[in-house]
Protein backbone atom coordinates (compact mmCIF):
# COMPACT_ATOMS: atom_id res chain seq x y z
CA MET A 1 98.25 35.77 116.18
CA GLY A 2 102.10 36.16 116.96
CA GLU A 3 102.49 34.23 120.13
CA TYR A 4 104.99 31.54 120.58
CA GLN A 5 103.97 28.28 119.92
CA ALA A 6 105.38 25.16 121.77
CA ALA A 7 106.64 23.34 118.76
CA GLU A 8 108.47 26.73 117.77
CA ILE A 9 109.42 27.35 121.38
CA ASP A 10 111.22 24.12 120.82
CA SER A 11 112.87 24.68 117.59
CA TYR A 12 114.28 28.04 118.99
CA VAL A 13 115.79 26.04 122.11
CA ALA A 14 117.14 23.02 120.04
CA ALA A 15 118.44 25.29 117.58
CA GLY A 16 120.76 26.97 120.74
CA TRP A 17 118.89 30.57 120.23
CA TRP A 18 116.91 30.48 123.37
CA GLY A 19 117.47 28.61 126.85
CA ASP A 20 117.30 29.20 130.61
CA ASP A 21 119.34 32.57 130.95
CA THR A 22 118.15 35.97 131.78
CA LEU A 23 120.04 38.89 130.47
CA THR A 24 121.15 39.10 134.29
CA ALA A 25 122.33 35.26 134.62
CA LYS A 26 124.59 36.31 131.02
CA LEU A 27 125.51 39.39 133.51
CA ALA A 28 126.46 36.96 136.40
CA ALA A 29 128.34 34.54 133.74
CA ASN A 30 130.68 37.70 132.86
CA ILE A 31 131.36 38.05 136.48
CA ALA A 32 132.61 34.89 137.30
CA ALA A 33 134.53 34.32 134.00
CA ARG A 34 136.36 37.62 133.72
CA PRO A 35 136.00 39.72 136.96
CA THR A 36 138.79 41.71 136.73
CA ALA A 37 138.56 42.64 132.60
CA THR A 38 137.07 46.12 132.28
CA ALA A 39 133.35 45.93 131.37
CA LEU A 40 131.89 49.56 130.78
CA VAL A 41 133.55 52.83 130.26
CA ASP A 42 131.52 56.20 129.97
CA ALA A 43 132.09 59.02 127.63
CA PRO A 44 135.23 61.47 128.82
CA ASN A 45 132.77 64.77 127.88
CA ARG A 46 129.70 63.09 130.25
CA HIS A 47 130.36 65.76 132.39
CA GLN A 48 129.07 68.34 129.86
CA TRP A 49 125.39 66.74 129.59
CA CYS A 50 124.92 64.75 132.50
CA ALA A 51 125.53 65.21 136.50
CA GLY A 52 127.83 62.45 137.83
CA GLU A 53 131.61 61.47 137.52
CA SER A 54 132.81 59.46 134.52
CA HIS A 55 133.02 55.55 135.40
CA ARG A 56 135.31 53.15 134.23
CA VAL A 57 134.51 49.55 135.72
CA THR A 58 135.38 46.11 135.69
CA TRP A 59 132.62 42.95 135.27
CA ALA A 60 133.14 42.41 139.21
CA GLU A 61 132.45 46.17 139.77
CA LEU A 62 129.55 46.32 137.49
CA GLY A 63 127.97 43.34 139.56
CA ASP A 64 128.37 45.21 142.77
CA LEU A 65 126.67 48.47 141.42
CA VAL A 66 123.83 46.42 139.84
CA GLN A 67 123.30 44.95 143.22
CA GLY A 68 123.22 48.09 145.22
CA THR A 69 121.18 49.83 142.80
CA ALA A 70 118.71 46.63 142.70
CA ASP A 71 118.45 46.75 146.68
CA GLN A 72 117.84 50.51 146.28
CA LEU A 73 114.82 49.65 143.78
CA SER A 74 113.56 46.88 146.16
CA GLU A 75 113.18 49.35 149.07
CA HIS A 76 111.45 51.63 146.68
CA GLY A 77 109.05 48.93 146.42
CA VAL A 78 110.12 47.75 143.04
CA GLY A 79 109.67 43.87 142.40
CA VAL A 80 108.35 41.28 140.05
CA GLY A 81 106.16 42.46 137.82
CA SER A 82 106.86 46.49 138.51
CA ARG A 83 106.94 48.33 135.17
CA VAL A 84 109.99 50.85 135.60
CA GLY A 85 110.16 54.00 133.47
CA ILE A 86 114.18 55.14 132.47
CA GLN A 87 115.54 57.99 131.04
CA LEU A 88 118.79 58.59 131.02
CA PRO A 89 121.87 59.47 128.45
CA ASN A 90 123.82 56.41 127.64
CA VAL A 91 126.02 56.58 131.07
CA THR A 92 127.09 53.91 133.47
CA GLU A 93 123.50 54.80 135.58
CA LEU A 94 121.52 53.91 132.67
CA VAL A 95 123.21 50.26 132.16
CA VAL A 96 123.35 49.34 135.69
CA SER A 97 119.61 50.85 136.24
CA LEU A 98 118.31 48.62 133.06
CA LEU A 99 120.34 45.54 134.60
CA ALA A 100 119.19 46.38 138.19
CA VAL A 101 115.56 46.56 136.83
CA LEU A 102 115.44 42.91 135.57
CA GLU A 103 117.47 41.66 138.45
CA VAL A 104 114.30 42.18 140.96
CA GLY A 105 112.44 40.81 138.32
CA ALA A 106 110.72 44.29 137.03
CA ILE A 107 109.92 45.28 133.34
CA ALA A 108 112.20 47.82 132.21
CA VAL A 109 110.76 50.76 130.00
CA PRO A 110 113.15 52.84 128.62
CA PHE A 111 112.64 56.33 126.75
CA PRO A 112 114.94 58.39 124.63
CA ILE A 113 116.44 61.87 126.40
CA GLN A 114 114.49 63.68 123.86
CA HIS A 115 111.11 62.41 124.70
CA ARG A 116 109.23 65.23 126.77
CA ARG A 117 105.96 65.36 128.56
CA HIS A 118 103.77 64.34 125.66
CA GLU A 119 106.00 60.76 125.07
CA VAL A 120 106.54 60.18 128.42
CA GLU A 121 103.36 60.85 129.73
CA THR A 122 101.76 58.78 126.96
CA GLY A 123 104.13 56.03 127.68
CA TRP A 124 103.87 55.86 131.17
CA VAL A 125 99.93 55.15 130.71
CA THR A 126 100.32 52.86 127.98
CA ALA A 127 103.13 50.70 129.84
CA GLY A 128 101.30 51.10 133.12
CA LEU A 129 104.57 52.52 135.23
CA ASP A 130 104.35 52.94 138.82
CA THR A 131 108.51 54.08 139.09
CA PHE A 132 110.64 56.23 136.93
CA VAL A 133 114.38 56.85 137.03
CA SER A 134 116.31 59.95 135.93
CA VAL A 135 118.85 62.15 136.56
CA ALA A 136 119.65 65.79 136.67
CA ARG A 137 121.02 66.82 132.88
CA PRO A 138 122.23 70.55 132.26
CA ASP A 139 120.73 70.17 128.76
CA ARG A 140 117.28 69.63 130.48
CA PRO A 141 116.98 71.77 133.32
CA ASP A 142 112.86 71.08 133.66
CA GLN A 143 113.54 67.26 133.30
CA ILE A 144 112.65 66.65 137.04
CA GLU A 145 110.00 68.89 137.18
CA MET A 146 108.43 67.37 134.48
CA LEU A 147 108.69 63.83 135.53
CA VAL A 148 107.03 64.73 139.00
CA SER A 149 104.31 66.24 137.43
CA VAL A 150 103.55 63.23 135.12
CA ALA A 151 104.07 60.88 138.04
CA ALA A 152 101.13 62.90 139.73
CA ASP A 153 98.41 61.38 137.49
CA PRO A 154 98.37 58.39 137.80
CA PRO A 155 100.40 58.36 141.10
CA GLY A 156 104.14 56.76 141.15
CA SER A 157 107.53 57.37 142.25
CA VAL A 158 110.32 59.35 140.67
CA LEU A 159 113.92 58.26 141.66
CA VAL A 160 116.94 60.59 140.59
CA PHE A 161 120.60 59.49 140.58
CA GLY A 162 122.11 62.40 142.81
CA GLU A 163 120.38 65.04 144.79
CA ALA A 164 116.70 64.68 145.29
CA ASP A 165 114.10 67.59 144.90
CA ASN A 166 110.74 68.17 145.54
CA GLY A 167 108.58 65.15 144.63
CA THR A 168 111.58 62.75 144.19
CA GLU A 169 113.64 60.31 146.02
CA ARG A 170 117.02 59.82 145.94
CA ILE A 171 119.13 56.87 144.51
CA GLU A 172 122.64 56.72 144.45
CA ILE A 173 126.05 54.50 142.50
CA ARG A 174 126.38 52.17 145.37
CA ALA A 175 128.36 49.19 145.22
CA VAL A 176 126.93 46.33 147.66
CA PRO A 177 128.43 42.54 147.15
CA TRP A 178 127.10 40.70 143.92
CA ARG A 179 124.73 38.08 145.42
CA ALA A 180 125.15 35.89 142.14
CA ASP A 181 121.64 34.66 142.99
CA GLY A 182 120.60 34.58 138.95
CA GLY A 183 118.23 37.31 139.72
CA ALA A 184 114.14 36.80 139.41
CA GLY A 185 111.85 35.54 136.45
CA SER A 186 112.69 33.27 133.65
CA ALA A 187 113.78 33.98 130.48
CA ASN A 188 110.37 33.87 128.70
CA ASP A 189 109.19 36.85 130.91
CA VAL A 190 108.99 40.11 129.40
CA ALA A 191 111.74 42.09 130.07
CA THR A 192 111.85 45.35 128.52
CA VAL A 193 109.06 47.50 126.73
CA CYS A 194 110.95 49.57 124.07
CA TRP A 195 108.98 52.09 122.01
CA THR A 196 108.63 52.33 118.04
CA SER A 197 109.82 55.30 116.24
CA GLY A 198 106.63 57.36 115.87
CA THR A 199 107.40 59.14 112.53
CA THR A 200 103.73 58.78 111.72
CA GLY A 201 102.02 58.92 115.18
CA THR A 202 102.34 57.95 118.32
CA PRO A 203 104.83 55.47 119.43
CA LYS A 204 103.81 51.97 119.96
CA GLY A 205 105.06 49.46 123.33
CA VAL A 206 107.33 46.53 121.99
CA PRO A 207 107.40 44.15 124.76
CA ARG A 208 110.61 41.60 124.43
CA THR A 209 111.40 38.69 126.72
CA HIS A 210 114.72 37.58 127.77
CA ASN A 211 114.84 34.95 125.14
CA ALA A 212 113.95 37.28 122.29
CA TRP A 213 116.90 39.57 123.30
CA VAL A 214 119.47 37.09 123.77
CA ALA A 215 118.27 35.92 120.27
CA ALA A 216 119.13 39.22 119.19
CA GLY A 217 122.61 39.17 121.08
CA LEU A 218 123.48 35.72 119.49
CA PHE A 219 122.42 36.97 116.10
CA ASN A 220 124.93 39.94 116.51
CA VAL A 221 127.96 37.88 117.91
CA ALA A 222 127.74 35.33 115.40
CA GLY A 223 126.96 37.39 112.40
CA ILE A 224 129.17 40.66 113.01
CA GLY A 225 132.00 37.88 115.08
CA LEU A 226 132.12 39.89 117.90
CA GLU A 227 134.50 38.50 120.90
CA ALA A 228 135.50 39.13 124.25
CA ASP A 229 138.56 40.67 123.21
CA ASP A 230 136.73 43.13 121.22
CA ALA A 231 136.12 46.97 122.46
CA VAL A 232 132.90 48.33 121.27
CA LEU A 233 131.69 51.62 121.03
CA CYS A 234 128.04 52.56 121.44
CA PRO A 235 126.92 56.06 120.25
CA PHE A 236 123.44 54.98 119.70
CA PRO A 237 120.77 55.34 122.53
CA LEU A 238 120.52 52.29 125.10
CA VAL A 239 116.88 52.31 124.28
CA ASN A 240 115.63 50.37 121.32
CA MET A 241 116.82 47.30 119.21
CA ALA A 242 119.94 49.34 117.42
CA GLY A 243 121.39 49.99 121.13
CA ILE A 244 120.24 47.33 123.38
CA GLY A 245 120.16 44.40 120.71
CA GLY A 246 123.54 45.93 118.51
CA MET A 247 125.33 46.92 121.40
CA LEU A 248 123.89 46.13 125.02
CA VAL A 249 123.10 42.32 124.59
CA PRO A 250 125.56 40.92 122.49
CA TRP A 251 127.95 42.80 125.61
CA LEU A 252 126.07 40.45 127.89
CA VAL A 253 126.49 37.59 125.58
CA SER A 254 130.26 38.02 124.99
CA GLY A 255 131.56 39.80 127.46
CA PHE A 256 133.59 42.57 125.07
CA ARG A 257 134.56 46.06 126.89
CA LEU A 258 131.35 48.35 125.88
CA VAL A 259 132.53 51.97 125.51
CA LEU A 260 129.62 54.54 125.50
CA HIS A 261 129.11 57.98 123.91
CA GLN A 262 125.61 60.08 123.44
CA PRO A 263 124.80 62.82 122.40
CA PHE A 264 126.89 62.46 119.24
CA ASP A 265 130.13 64.60 119.55
CA MET A 266 132.52 63.81 116.12
CA PRO A 267 136.10 65.17 117.97
CA THR A 268 134.92 62.72 121.13
CA PHE A 269 133.46 59.97 118.90
CA LEU A 270 137.00 59.29 116.98
CA GLY A 271 139.14 60.15 119.83
CA GLN A 272 137.32 57.36 121.90
CA ILE A 273 138.13 54.60 118.91
CA ALA A 274 141.85 55.46 119.32
CA GLN A 275 141.98 55.79 123.07
CA GLU A 276 140.47 52.78 123.71
CA ARG A 277 141.43 50.70 120.60
CA VAL A 278 137.90 50.06 119.58
CA THR A 279 137.20 47.39 117.02
CA TYR A 280 133.55 47.51 116.21
CA THR A 281 131.13 50.30 116.06
CA VAL A 282 127.97 51.61 114.19
CA ALA A 283 127.08 54.67 112.35
CA PRO A 284 124.77 55.55 110.30
CA PRO A 285 125.59 55.93 106.54
CA ALA A 286 125.29 59.92 105.73
CA LEU A 287 128.04 60.28 108.70
CA LEU A 288 130.04 57.45 107.07
CA SER A 289 129.65 59.41 103.94
CA GLN A 290 130.89 63.09 105.39
CA LEU A 291 133.53 60.96 107.51
CA LEU A 292 134.85 59.49 104.64
CA ARG A 293 135.63 62.77 102.28
CA SER A 294 137.23 64.12 105.49
CA HIS A 295 140.27 63.05 105.25
CA GLU A 296 142.05 65.90 107.28
CA THR A 297 139.96 65.15 110.39
CA LEU A 298 140.46 61.40 109.97
CA ALA A 299 144.34 61.62 109.74
CA ARG A 300 144.23 63.47 113.89
CA PHE A 301 143.02 59.94 114.85
CA ASP A 302 144.44 56.50 114.74
CA LEU A 303 141.76 54.37 113.29
CA SER A 304 144.17 50.96 112.95
CA SER A 305 142.51 49.36 115.53
CA MET A 306 138.96 49.50 113.80
CA ARG A 307 137.88 46.44 112.28
CA ALA A 308 134.19 46.97 111.30
CA ILE A 309 131.46 49.24 111.25
CA GLY A 310 127.83 48.61 111.22
CA SER A 311 125.11 50.76 109.22
CA GLY A 312 121.59 50.66 108.14
CA ALA A 313 118.34 52.23 108.31
CA ALA A 314 118.82 53.33 104.57
CA PRO A 315 120.35 51.53 101.20
CA LEU A 316 123.97 52.43 101.56
CA ASP A 317 126.42 54.14 99.30
CA PRO A 318 128.23 51.42 97.30
CA GLY A 319 131.40 54.20 96.86
CA MET A 320 131.03 54.47 100.41
CA VAL A 321 131.68 50.78 101.28
CA ALA A 322 134.23 50.40 98.79
CA GLY A 323 135.86 53.47 100.20
CA TRP A 324 135.99 52.41 103.96
CA GLN A 325 137.19 49.15 102.87
CA GLY A 326 139.92 50.28 100.27
CA GLU A 327 141.49 53.14 101.98
CA TYR A 328 141.42 51.89 106.01
CA GLY A 329 140.93 48.32 105.73
CA ILE A 330 137.40 48.76 107.56
CA GLU A 331 134.70 46.48 106.78
CA VAL A 332 130.94 48.29 106.61
CA ILE A 333 128.29 45.76 107.30
CA ASN A 334 124.97 46.51 106.00
CA ILE A 335 122.13 46.30 108.75
CA PHE A 336 118.73 45.65 108.73
CA GLY A 337 116.56 45.35 111.95
CA SER A 338 113.79 46.91 113.80
CA ASN A 339 112.58 47.12 117.34
CA GLU A 340 110.21 44.50 116.56
CA GLY A 341 112.76 41.81 115.85
CA ALA A 342 113.33 42.04 112.32
CA ALA A 343 116.95 41.13 111.44
CA MET A 344 119.40 40.98 108.56
CA LEU A 345 123.32 41.53 108.20
CA ALA A 346 125.15 41.76 104.93
CA THR A 347 128.62 41.16 105.87
CA ARG A 348 131.82 40.97 104.07
CA ALA A 349 131.98 37.06 104.62
CA LEU A 350 128.84 36.57 103.11
CA VAL A 351 128.82 39.21 100.25
CA GLU A 352 132.26 40.61 99.28
CA ASP A 353 131.35 42.89 96.59
CA PRO A 354 131.02 46.42 98.30
CA ASP A 355 128.34 47.23 95.86
CA LEU A 356 126.49 44.13 96.15
CA ARG A 357 126.32 44.57 100.02
CA ALA A 358 125.78 48.04 100.18
CA ARG A 359 122.43 47.34 98.57
CA MET A 360 121.14 43.60 98.90
CA PHE A 361 120.71 41.15 102.04
CA PRO A 362 121.32 37.05 102.00
CA ALA A 363 117.75 35.63 101.83
CA ILE A 364 118.23 33.81 104.85
CA GLY A 365 115.51 32.15 106.30
CA ARG A 366 113.72 30.96 103.20
CA PRO A 367 113.28 27.88 102.29
CA ASP A 368 114.16 27.96 98.57
CA CYS A 369 117.72 29.22 99.73
CA GLU A 370 120.72 28.22 101.96
CA TRP A 371 123.40 30.42 103.42
CA ASP A 372 126.58 29.28 104.81
CA THR A 373 126.17 31.12 108.12
CA PRO A 374 125.84 30.60 111.80
CA VAL A 375 122.52 32.68 111.77
CA ALA A 376 121.00 30.74 109.11
CA THR A 377 118.46 29.42 111.37
CA VAL A 378 117.77 32.59 113.67
CA ASN A 379 114.12 33.19 111.79
CA ARG A 380 111.98 32.58 108.95
CA THR A 381 111.28 35.05 106.08
CA ARG A 382 108.31 35.19 103.69
CA LEU A 383 108.33 37.99 100.66
CA VAL A 384 104.67 38.53 99.95
CA ASP A 385 102.61 40.04 97.13
CA LEU A 386 100.82 42.93 98.93
CA ASP A 387 97.81 42.68 96.25
CA THR A 388 97.07 38.62 95.90
CA GLY A 389 98.98 37.80 99.65
CA ALA A 390 100.95 34.96 97.82
CA ASP A 391 104.43 34.22 98.65
CA ILE A 392 107.11 36.24 95.69
CA GLU A 393 109.12 32.91 94.52
CA GLU A 394 110.68 34.17 91.60
CA PRO A 395 113.60 36.78 91.39
CA GLY A 396 112.62 40.42 89.91
CA ARG A 397 109.38 40.67 91.89
CA LEU A 398 108.63 43.44 94.64
CA GLY A 399 106.79 42.56 98.14
CA GLU A 400 106.58 43.07 101.75
CA LEU A 401 109.02 41.20 103.76
CA ARG A 402 107.95 39.49 106.62
CA PHE A 403 109.79 37.52 110.07
CA ARG A 404 108.56 35.02 112.39
CA GLY A 405 111.39 33.67 114.78
CA SER A 406 113.28 33.82 117.87
CA THR A 407 114.37 37.40 117.49
CA VAL A 408 110.58 38.40 116.54
CA PHE A 409 108.51 39.96 119.34
CA GLY A 410 105.26 38.50 120.31
CA GLY A 411 102.77 41.79 119.61
CA TYR A 412 102.69 45.09 120.76
CA LEU A 413 100.88 46.30 123.66
CA ASP A 414 97.30 46.67 123.63
CA SER A 415 97.02 45.25 120.05
CA ASP A 416 94.65 43.46 118.44
CA GLY A 417 97.12 41.22 116.28
CA HIS A 418 97.33 43.23 112.96
CA GLU A 419 100.92 43.39 112.77
CA PHE A 420 101.11 39.75 111.90
CA ASP A 421 99.64 37.61 109.18
CA ASP A 422 97.67 34.86 109.14
CA GLN A 423 101.10 32.50 109.55
CA GLY A 424 102.21 34.50 112.26
CA PHE A 425 105.00 36.39 110.46
CA TYR A 426 105.60 39.97 111.38
CA ARG A 427 104.57 42.52 108.71
CA THR A 428 107.47 45.36 108.54
CA GLY A 429 105.83 47.21 105.94
CA ASP A 430 109.50 47.18 104.24
CA LEU A 431 109.52 46.41 100.47
CA PHE A 432 112.22 44.11 99.15
CA GLU A 433 113.14 42.81 95.82
CA LEU A 434 113.97 39.16 95.33
CA ILE A 435 116.99 38.96 93.34
CA ALA A 436 119.18 36.07 92.24
CA ASP A 437 122.89 36.15 91.14
CA ASP A 438 124.58 34.32 88.55
CA GLN A 439 124.97 31.32 91.10
CA GLY A 440 121.41 31.10 91.74
CA ARG A 441 121.88 32.67 95.21
CA LEU A 442 118.85 35.07 96.44
CA TYR A 443 118.87 38.17 98.16
CA TYR A 444 116.43 40.44 99.12
CA ARG A 445 117.21 43.97 97.70
CA PHE A 446 115.65 47.03 99.97
CA VAL A 447 113.22 49.36 98.06
CA ASP A 448 111.72 51.25 100.37
CA ARG A 449 109.25 51.68 103.32
CA ALA A 450 105.54 51.11 101.59
CA LYS A 451 104.88 54.69 102.71
CA ASP A 452 107.71 56.02 101.67
CA ILE A 453 107.40 55.30 97.70
CA ILE A 454 106.37 58.06 95.42
CA ILE A 455 104.20 57.56 92.45
CA ARG A 456 104.67 59.48 89.71
CA GLY A 457 102.53 58.93 86.58
CA GLY A 458 101.70 55.55 87.92
CA MET A 459 105.17 54.80 88.22
CA ASN A 460 106.63 53.70 91.74
CA ILE A 461 110.10 55.58 92.96
CA SER A 462 112.04 54.58 95.98
CA ALA A 463 112.62 57.59 97.77
CA SER A 464 115.84 55.56 99.52
CA GLU A 465 117.34 54.43 96.57
CA ILE A 466 117.86 58.14 95.26
CA GLU A 467 118.77 58.72 98.86
CA ALA A 468 121.31 56.34 98.67
CA LEU A 469 122.65 57.86 95.23
CA LEU A 470 122.80 61.36 96.34
CA LEU A 471 125.08 60.77 99.16
CA GLY A 472 127.59 59.73 96.87
CA HIS A 473 127.56 63.27 95.94
CA GLN A 474 130.67 65.29 97.75
CA GLY A 475 128.51 68.30 98.11
CA VAL A 476 125.85 66.24 100.12
CA ARG A 477 126.25 66.20 103.91
CA ASP A 478 122.42 64.56 104.34
CA VAL A 479 119.44 63.83 102.51
CA ALA A 480 115.46 63.23 102.62
CA VAL A 481 113.82 62.56 99.07
CA VAL A 482 110.00 62.94 99.46
CA PRO A 483 106.80 63.51 97.47
CA ALA A 484 105.94 66.58 96.42
CA PRO A 485 102.59 67.71 94.57
CA GLY A 486 102.76 66.86 90.61
CA GLY A 487 99.55 68.05 89.32
CA ASP A 488 98.44 65.20 86.64
CA LEU A 489 101.27 63.38 87.55
CA GLY A 490 99.86 63.00 91.03
CA GLU A 491 103.25 63.31 92.66
CA ILE A 492 106.87 64.45 91.82
CA VAL A 493 110.31 63.59 93.50
CA ALA A 494 111.39 66.51 95.47
CA ALA A 495 115.07 66.16 97.27
CA VAL A 496 115.69 68.22 100.46
CA ILE A 497 119.40 68.25 101.25
CA VAL A 498 122.08 69.62 103.95
CA VAL A 499 124.97 70.11 101.82
CA GLU A 500 128.67 70.14 102.90
CA GLU A 501 130.47 73.43 104.27
CA GLY A 502 131.71 75.55 101.36
CA HIS A 503 129.39 73.55 98.70
CA ALA A 504 126.58 75.30 96.61
CA LEU A 505 124.03 72.87 94.90
CA GLU A 506 121.13 73.79 92.63
CA LEU A 507 118.68 71.55 91.26
CA GLU A 508 121.04 71.02 87.93
CA ASP A 509 123.87 70.17 89.88
CA VAL A 510 121.51 67.43 91.45
CA ILE A 511 119.96 65.86 88.19
CA VAL A 512 123.48 66.10 86.61
CA HIS A 513 125.12 63.82 89.29
CA LEU A 514 122.00 61.01 89.41
CA ARG A 515 122.22 61.28 85.37
CA SER A 516 125.86 60.29 85.78
CA GLU A 517 124.54 57.04 87.75
CA ASN A 518 122.41 56.10 84.83
CA ILE A 519 118.89 56.16 86.37
CA ALA A 520 116.07 56.38 84.97
CA SER A 521 114.48 60.03 84.13
CA TYR A 522 111.53 59.32 85.67
CA LYS A 523 113.16 59.28 89.01
CA LEU A 524 115.10 62.76 88.98
CA PRO A 525 114.07 65.41 91.21
CA GLU A 526 111.84 67.85 90.07
CA ARG A 527 112.20 70.08 93.30
CA LEU A 528 114.49 70.93 96.06
CA ALA A 529 115.02 72.69 99.06
CA VAL A 530 118.69 73.69 100.79
CA VAL A 531 118.55 73.30 104.60
CA GLU A 532 120.60 73.66 107.59
CA GLU A 533 119.23 70.18 109.33
CA LEU A 534 117.10 67.34 108.57
CA PRO A 535 113.91 67.19 111.46
CA ARG A 536 114.70 63.81 113.30
CA ASN A 537 112.67 61.85 115.77
CA PRO A 538 114.63 60.88 119.13
CA LEU A 539 115.34 57.54 117.26
CA GLY A 540 117.48 59.43 114.45
CA LYS A 541 114.77 58.93 111.94
CA VAL A 542 114.04 61.65 109.75
CA LEU A 543 110.52 63.26 110.20
CA LYS A 544 109.29 63.22 106.21
CA SER A 545 106.20 64.59 106.97
CA GLN A 546 107.60 67.90 108.25
CA LEU A 547 109.82 67.91 105.13
CA ARG A 548 106.23 67.51 102.65
CA ASP A 549 105.30 70.95 103.90
CA LEU A 550 108.34 72.46 101.91
CA PHE A 551 106.64 71.53 98.59
CA LEU A 552 103.24 72.77 99.38
CA THR A 553 103.26 75.77 97.80
C-alpha cells in the first residue's frame, strides 16, 4: 500500500509533474542557462553561529563547489546507495553538501541543527547511515565530539568542514570544474530521508524520490508564481518539506536567487529583505501578527520589493492577512503541507477575500470540484468520515483529509503501510470541514489535528481555531491552546500565552476578546498561563504535551 503504481506513474509523467530529471540535473540546467547569475547568498551574520566565511556565489561557481565536494565525498567512499547524514545550519555548505551527496548517487539524510545525541543516534540507526557531514559551531562546542561518539557504534565516518579533530576527517569548500555529467541514479531513486516533527514520539524517517521532490517544487513554483528573477529569503531549515520542498527545490526548478537565513534574527531578516530586494519569503503566523503591529520596526526597513509571504502550520488570523495586504500591498499565501507530501495553497488569485483565504483552501483534487489553477492535477484528495470510513461529499461535515499523488511519499522507513488507507491515500491525521460558497465552489477548512481536539462535555473544540483568534489580540505575541482536566466535563480549554512587551493579560481579558469574535461560550478558555516562551521542537512545532503539564494542579 502506498507504492506508486505503473498507471499512476504514467499519469504523473503525462501531467508534467514527473520526468527523467534528478535534482542535480535541475542544477545542471541552471548552470547552463544562467552561469553568471547569483544563485546563493549566505546571511551576513553567519560568523556568529557557524565556522567559515559568508559566500555569495553564481550558478557556475555553485556547480564547481558541488563538484569539488562530490569528489571529496567519493574519496571518502561515498557512492551510489550510501546514506549520508548532514547536520548544518542554513549556510552554503549545507546546500552544497545536499547536492553533492545526490551528485554521487547517495541518499541525503538532513538533521535539524537542534537535534542532539538522542535524535542523531536514533536517526543514524534508523536510516542506516555510514557517513555524517557537519561543521564546528560556536553555539554547540560539543557538536563534533557528539558525532564522533555516535559514529563509533555502528562505525561510520564523520566529515567536518574546516579543521578536523580527533576521530574526524576534513572536507572543504573546494572548487573543481563542473563536469555536467548529470549525476548518478535516476529520478525515481530515493533522494532524501527527512524526519517527521516528533512532537509526540520518536521522529519517523520519510524517504522521498527525486521525482516526488521535483513535483513539490513545481507545485510551489506554479502555485505561488515564482520566477527566475525572484529573490527568495529562506528562514526555514533546509531539512524538511518547508525548507527543501518550499524553497530549495523551487530554486532548482526556476533558478531564482536563494538568500539563506537561520537561526532567526529579526533585524537581520528584515535587513536581508531590504538589501537583497527579496520578493518572497515565509514566516509563521505568530511572527507575521507580531510584525504587523510593529510599525516602528517595519518603518526602518525598505519592504517595497516584497510581493508575497507564505505562512501556515496553523489557521491564519484574517485581520493579519488583510493587514499585510491593505497596509503594505503584500499578499499572504496560506500554505498547508507535510513532510509526507500533502500540499495545498490558498493564494490571492484563487481566494481574493483575505478572511476566506486565512481559513480555507480550494478543495483541489476532488472529482466533484474544479479550480482554475495550474496545480489542479498535482494530487487527489478525499475527506473521510472517521467513524464510517466513507467519503464526505456534502458540505458541513468534518473528516480526515487524505492525499494521493505526485508529491506524496511512498511510505515511512520500516513501515507496515498503516499510513495509507485501502485506496492508497496518505492519512494526514488532520481534520477538515468541507465548505461550499454561494457559487457552489468547494473548500477545505482546517479544523485541527485529530489529537488536538478538546472534548468538553461531549462538544468538540478546535485548539487551532481559538489560537488563530487570540493572535488577533494586540497583547498576544504567541499562543497555544491545550486541554486541561475538567472534572465532569472531561476536558476544559486552557490557553498558554506569550504576551507582547508592555502588556499584561488576565483570563478575563482573553474571554472579552473572544466574546467580541462571537464564538460559542463552550469554547472559551477556563484556565490561563502566561509564559516567556512556548516550547518548540527543532522544526518549530509547539510541544503541547509539555504545556498540558502546567494545568495538572
